[in-house]
Amino acid sequence: MKNIKAIIFDAYGTLFDVNSAAEKCKDKIGDKWEGFANYWRTTQLEYTWLRSLMKRHKDFWQVTEDSLDKSMKVYKIDSSMRNELLDLYKILSPFKEVPEVLKSLNEKDFKLAILSNGTPSLLNELVKSNNLDNIFDDIFSIEEVGVYKPDSKVYDIPIKKYQIQKSEVAFLSANTWDVSGAGNYGYNSVWVNRNNNIFDNLDFLPKHEIQNLSKLLDKI
């Protein structure tokens, strides 16, 4: 980690809490809000992988809508809540330590970027709504290559832009499949294990595991 030139973050689930949209509606949804939120997220990810394999690309917002529609039917949530949930998804809340950590890193000599499945407009709105729009050098979207993570073409994007070695990138994600994808590609992958989960068996084990982003400051 001593030769790092760029620190790159996944967005959804790493910087921003994907469950926060449903949580803000928990009074209306009831006790099933968390199960619903997790199902929505799982379905959303499954759709990105399936569409990549089928070569039937839709952008992340369309996938988010499609996965929400299925999830609402499964959990029998009134369709009148659809627009409210989608609007809240555009302004997901960051995890509590994120703003302070990013501002600290911004004072150091690294390229700071996001590399995400999200569309450019979604990511820009998300960053701006949380007052983080002056932090990042770049916000990279998979829409540049038209395929979702963990395809290697996605991880190529920052390497081509910055003209640096793969080993000069510290990549942070809370998603184990993303950590594995980036690690197998050649990044220094750091697993943000917020919930004390078990890592997947995908031919890669991260050398660095942290409970939240605050711990990154000890490693850089």
Protein backbone atom coordinates (compact mmCIF):
# COMPACT_ATOMS: atom_id res chain seq x y z
CA MET A 1 0.00 0.00 0.00
CA LYS A 2 3.04 2.30 0.02
CA ASN A 3 3.10 2.90 -3.73
CA ILE A 4 -0.54 3.89 -4.06
CA LYS A 5 -1.31 6.72 -6.48
CA ALA A 6 -5.09 6.42 -6.70
CA ILE A 7 -7.73 5.52 -4.12
CA ILE A 8 -10.88 4.35 -5.81
CA PHE A 9 -14.19 3.64 -4.12
CA ASP A 10 -17.20 1.62 -5.01
CA ALA A 11 -20.29 3.75 -4.39
CA TYR A 12 -23.33 1.61 -3.54
CA GLY A 13 -22.93 -0.18 -0.24
CA THR A 14 -19.45 1.24 0.33
CA LEU A 15 -19.85 5.01 0.46
CA PHE A 16 -23.65 5.12 0.42
CA ASP A 17 -26.13 2.97 2.34
CA VAL A 18 -28.30 1.16 -0.21
CA ASN A 19 -30.87 0.36 2.47
CA SER A 20 -31.40 3.97 3.45
CA ALA A 21 -34.18 4.54 0.89
CA ALA A 22 -36.36 1.80 2.36
CA GLU A 23 -35.36 2.72 5.90
CA LYS A 24 -36.71 6.23 5.42
CA CYS A 25 -40.06 4.62 4.56
CA LYS A 26 -40.08 2.05 7.35
CA ASP A 27 -43.08 3.65 9.06
CA LYS A 28 -45.11 2.95 5.92
CA ILE A 29 -43.53 -0.40 5.01
CA GLY A 30 -43.49 -1.79 8.55
CA ASP A 31 -41.23 -4.43 10.07
CA LYS A 32 -40.55 -6.03 6.69
CA TRP A 33 -38.66 -2.95 5.44
CA GLU A 34 -35.20 -4.44 5.99
CA GLY A 35 -36.01 -7.76 4.32
CA PHE A 36 -37.51 -5.83 1.43
CA ALA A 37 -34.45 -3.57 1.16
CA ASN A 38 -32.09 -6.55 1.10
CA TYR A 39 -34.21 -8.33 -1.50
CA TRP A 40 -34.29 -5.24 -3.70
CA ARG A 41 -30.50 -4.95 -3.53
CA THR A 42 -29.91 -8.65 -4.21
CA THR A 43 -32.28 -8.62 -7.18
CA GLN A 44 -30.66 -5.46 -8.53
CA LEU A 45 -27.20 -7.09 -8.44
CA GLU A 46 -28.48 -10.32 -9.97
CA TYR A 47 -29.96 -8.34 -12.85
CA THR A 48 -26.63 -6.58 -13.52
CA TRP A 49 -24.79 -9.90 -13.70
CA LEU A 50 -27.46 -11.62 -15.79
CA ARG A 51 -27.67 -8.73 -18.24
CA SER A 52 -23.89 -8.73 -18.63
CA LEU A 53 -23.90 -12.47 -19.33
CA MET A 54 -26.84 -12.20 -21.74
CA LYS A 55 -25.35 -9.10 -23.38
CA ARG A 56 -28.69 -7.35 -22.88
CA HIS A 57 -27.50 -4.15 -21.26
CA LYS A 58 -29.79 -1.73 -19.48
CA ASP A 59 -28.36 1.12 -17.45
CA PHE A 60 -28.29 0.98 -13.67
CA TRP A 61 -31.35 3.15 -13.20
CA GLN A 62 -33.45 0.90 -15.43
CA VAL A 63 -32.15 -2.13 -13.53
CA THR A 64 -32.98 -0.42 -10.24
CA GLU A 65 -36.54 0.20 -11.41
CA ASP A 66 -36.98 -3.36 -12.69
CA SER A 67 -35.64 -4.90 -9.48
CA LEU A 68 -37.83 -2.60 -7.37
CA ASP A 69 -40.94 -3.62 -9.29
CA LYS A 70 -40.28 -7.30 -8.61
CA SER A 71 -39.38 -6.67 -4.95
CA MET A 72 -42.56 -4.68 -4.30
CA LYS A 73 -44.64 -7.54 -5.68
CA VAL A 74 -42.78 -10.14 -3.61
CA TYR A 75 -43.19 -8.10 -0.40
CA LYS A 76 -46.70 -6.89 -1.30
CA ILE A 77 -45.85 -3.22 -0.98
CA ASP A 78 -48.40 -0.79 -2.36
CA SER A 79 -47.46 0.44 -5.83
CA SER A 80 -48.18 4.02 -4.74
CA MET A 81 -44.81 3.98 -2.93
CA ARG A 82 -42.80 3.28 -6.09
CA ASN A 83 -41.93 6.88 -6.98
CA GLU A 84 -41.11 7.78 -3.38
CA LEU A 85 -38.67 4.87 -3.09
CA LEU A 86 -37.03 5.71 -6.42
CA ASP A 87 -36.66 9.37 -5.47
CA LEU A 88 -35.03 8.37 -2.18
CA TYR A 89 -32.66 6.02 -3.99
CA LYS A 90 -31.26 9.01 -5.89
CA ILE A 91 -30.20 10.62 -2.60
CA LEU A 92 -29.03 7.65 -0.53
CA SER A 93 -27.36 8.56 2.75
CA PRO A 94 -23.62 8.10 3.20
CA PHE A 95 -22.30 5.94 6.01
CA LYS A 96 -21.56 8.19 8.96
CA GLU A 97 -17.75 8.23 8.71
CA VAL A 98 -17.61 8.78 4.95
CA PRO A 99 -17.64 12.61 4.68
CA GLU A 100 -14.88 13.09 7.25
CA VAL A 101 -12.66 10.35 5.80
CA LEU A 102 -13.02 11.63 2.26
CA LYS A 103 -12.17 15.16 3.31
CA SER A 104 -9.06 13.89 5.10
CA LEU A 105 -7.95 11.95 2.03
CA ASN A 106 -8.63 14.96 -0.17
CA GLU A 107 -5.83 16.78 1.64
CA LYS A 108 -3.32 14.07 0.66
CA ASP A 109 -1.55 13.50 -2.63
CA PHE A 110 -3.78 10.82 -4.15
CA LYS A 111 -6.18 10.68 -7.03
CA LEU A 112 -9.61 10.08 -5.50
CA ALA A 113 -12.33 8.51 -7.62
CA ILE A 114 -15.52 6.51 -7.65
CA LEU A 115 -15.86 3.46 -9.89
CA SER A 116 -19.48 2.35 -9.93
CA ASN A 117 -22.25 0.51 -11.72
CA GLY A 118 -24.30 3.71 -11.45
CA THR A 119 -25.00 6.01 -14.37
CA PRO A 120 -23.07 9.31 -14.50
CA SER A 121 -26.19 11.34 -13.73
CA LEU A 122 -27.14 9.12 -10.78
CA LEU A 123 -23.65 9.27 -9.31
CA ASN A 124 -23.32 13.01 -9.78
CA GLU A 125 -26.66 13.62 -8.07
CA LEU A 126 -25.74 11.27 -5.23
CA VAL A 127 -22.42 12.99 -4.61
CA LYS A 128 -23.91 16.47 -4.89
CA SER A 129 -26.87 15.76 -2.59
CA ASN A 130 -24.41 14.71 0.12
CA ASN A 131 -22.11 17.73 -0.35
CA LEU A 132 -19.22 15.61 -1.62
CA ASP A 133 -18.99 17.11 -5.09
CA ASN A 134 -15.62 18.82 -4.51
CA ILE A 135 -13.88 15.68 -3.28
CA PHE A 136 -13.36 13.42 -6.29
CA ASP A 137 -11.03 13.83 -9.24
CA ASP A 138 -13.23 11.52 -11.29
CA ILE A 139 -16.50 9.64 -11.09
CA PHE A 140 -16.20 6.61 -13.36
CA SER A 141 -19.31 4.76 -14.54
CA ILE A 142 -19.53 1.33 -16.16
CA GLU A 143 -21.58 3.05 -18.87
CA GLU A 144 -18.21 3.89 -20.49
CA VAL A 145 -17.83 0.21 -21.41
CA GLY A 146 -21.46 -0.98 -21.35
CA VAL A 147 -20.94 -3.94 -19.04
CA TYR A 148 -21.24 -4.32 -15.27
CA LYS A 149 -18.72 -5.19 -12.61
CA PRO A 150 -16.91 -7.48 -12.13
CA ASP A 151 -15.96 -7.47 -15.84
CA SER A 152 -12.29 -6.52 -16.20
CA LYS A 153 -13.18 -3.82 -18.75
CA VAL A 154 -14.68 -1.84 -15.86
CA TYR A 155 -11.50 -1.97 -13.77
CA ASP A 156 -9.54 -0.92 -16.88
CA ILE A 157 -11.25 2.48 -16.95
CA PRO A 158 -9.17 4.28 -14.25
CA ILE A 159 -5.94 2.61 -15.38
CA LYS A 160 -6.36 4.02 -18.88
CA LYS A 161 -7.30 7.46 -17.57
CA TYR A 162 -4.47 7.80 -15.06
CA GLN A 163 -1.82 5.81 -16.93
CA ILE A 164 -0.76 3.99 -13.77
CA GLN A 165 -0.09 0.39 -12.81
CA LYS A 166 -2.84 -1.80 -11.37
CA SER A 167 -0.77 -2.25 -8.22
CA GLU A 168 -0.82 1.53 -7.70
CA VAL A 169 -4.58 1.49 -7.07
CA ALA A 170 -6.21 0.97 -3.68
CA PHE A 171 -9.76 -0.12 -4.36
CA LEU A 172 -12.36 -0.18 -1.59
CA SER A 173 -15.64 -2.02 -1.65
CA ALA A 174 -18.06 -3.53 0.84
CA ASN A 175 -19.19 -6.02 -1.82
CA THR A 176 -17.13 -9.21 -1.69
CA TRP A 177 -17.70 -10.02 -5.38
CA ASP A 178 -16.40 -6.54 -6.27
CA VAL A 179 -13.36 -6.92 -4.02
CA SER A 180 -12.63 -10.26 -5.72
CA GLY A 181 -13.17 -8.84 -9.19
CA ALA A 182 -10.84 -5.92 -8.57
CA GLY A 183 -8.31 -8.10 -6.75
CA ASN A 184 -8.18 -10.71 -9.48
CA TYR A 185 -7.74 -7.85 -11.95
CA GLY A 186 -4.68 -6.63 -10.04
CA TYR A 187 -5.83 -3.83 -7.74
CA ASN A 188 -4.93 -3.65 -4.07
CA SER A 189 -8.43 -4.50 -2.95
CA VAL A 190 -9.58 -3.51 0.52
CA TRP A 191 -12.71 -5.16 1.90
CA VAL A 192 -14.92 -2.83 3.94
CA ASN A 193 -16.57 -5.47 6.10
CA ARG A 194 -19.15 -3.43 7.98
CA ASN A 195 -21.30 -6.37 9.08
CA ASN A 196 -18.71 -8.99 10.04
CA ASN A 197 -19.55 -11.12 7.00
CA ILE A 198 -17.73 -14.15 5.56
CA PHE A 199 -15.71 -13.62 2.40
CA ASP A 200 -16.62 -15.47 -0.81
CA ASN A 201 -14.58 -18.28 -2.37
CA LEU A 202 -13.70 -16.58 -5.66
CA ASP A 203 -9.94 -17.20 -6.06
CA PHE A 204 -8.99 -14.06 -4.18
CA LEU A 205 -8.51 -13.11 -0.55
CA PRO A 206 -7.90 -9.45 0.28
CA LYS A 207 -4.77 -8.62 2.24
CA HIS A 208 -6.59 -5.73 3.84
CA GLU A 209 -9.93 -5.86 5.65
CA ILE A 210 -11.38 -2.91 7.56
CA GLN A 211 -14.60 -2.45 9.50
CA ASN A 212 -15.27 1.02 8.14
CA LEU A 213 -13.51 3.66 6.07
CA SER A 214 -11.96 5.35 9.11
CA LYS A 215 -9.55 2.42 9.31
CA LEU A 216 -8.23 3.21 5.84
CA LEU A 217 -6.37 6.21 7.23
CA ASP A 218 -4.20 3.80 9.24
CA LYS A 219 -3.15 1.92 6.12
CA ILE A 220 -2.43 4.74 3.66
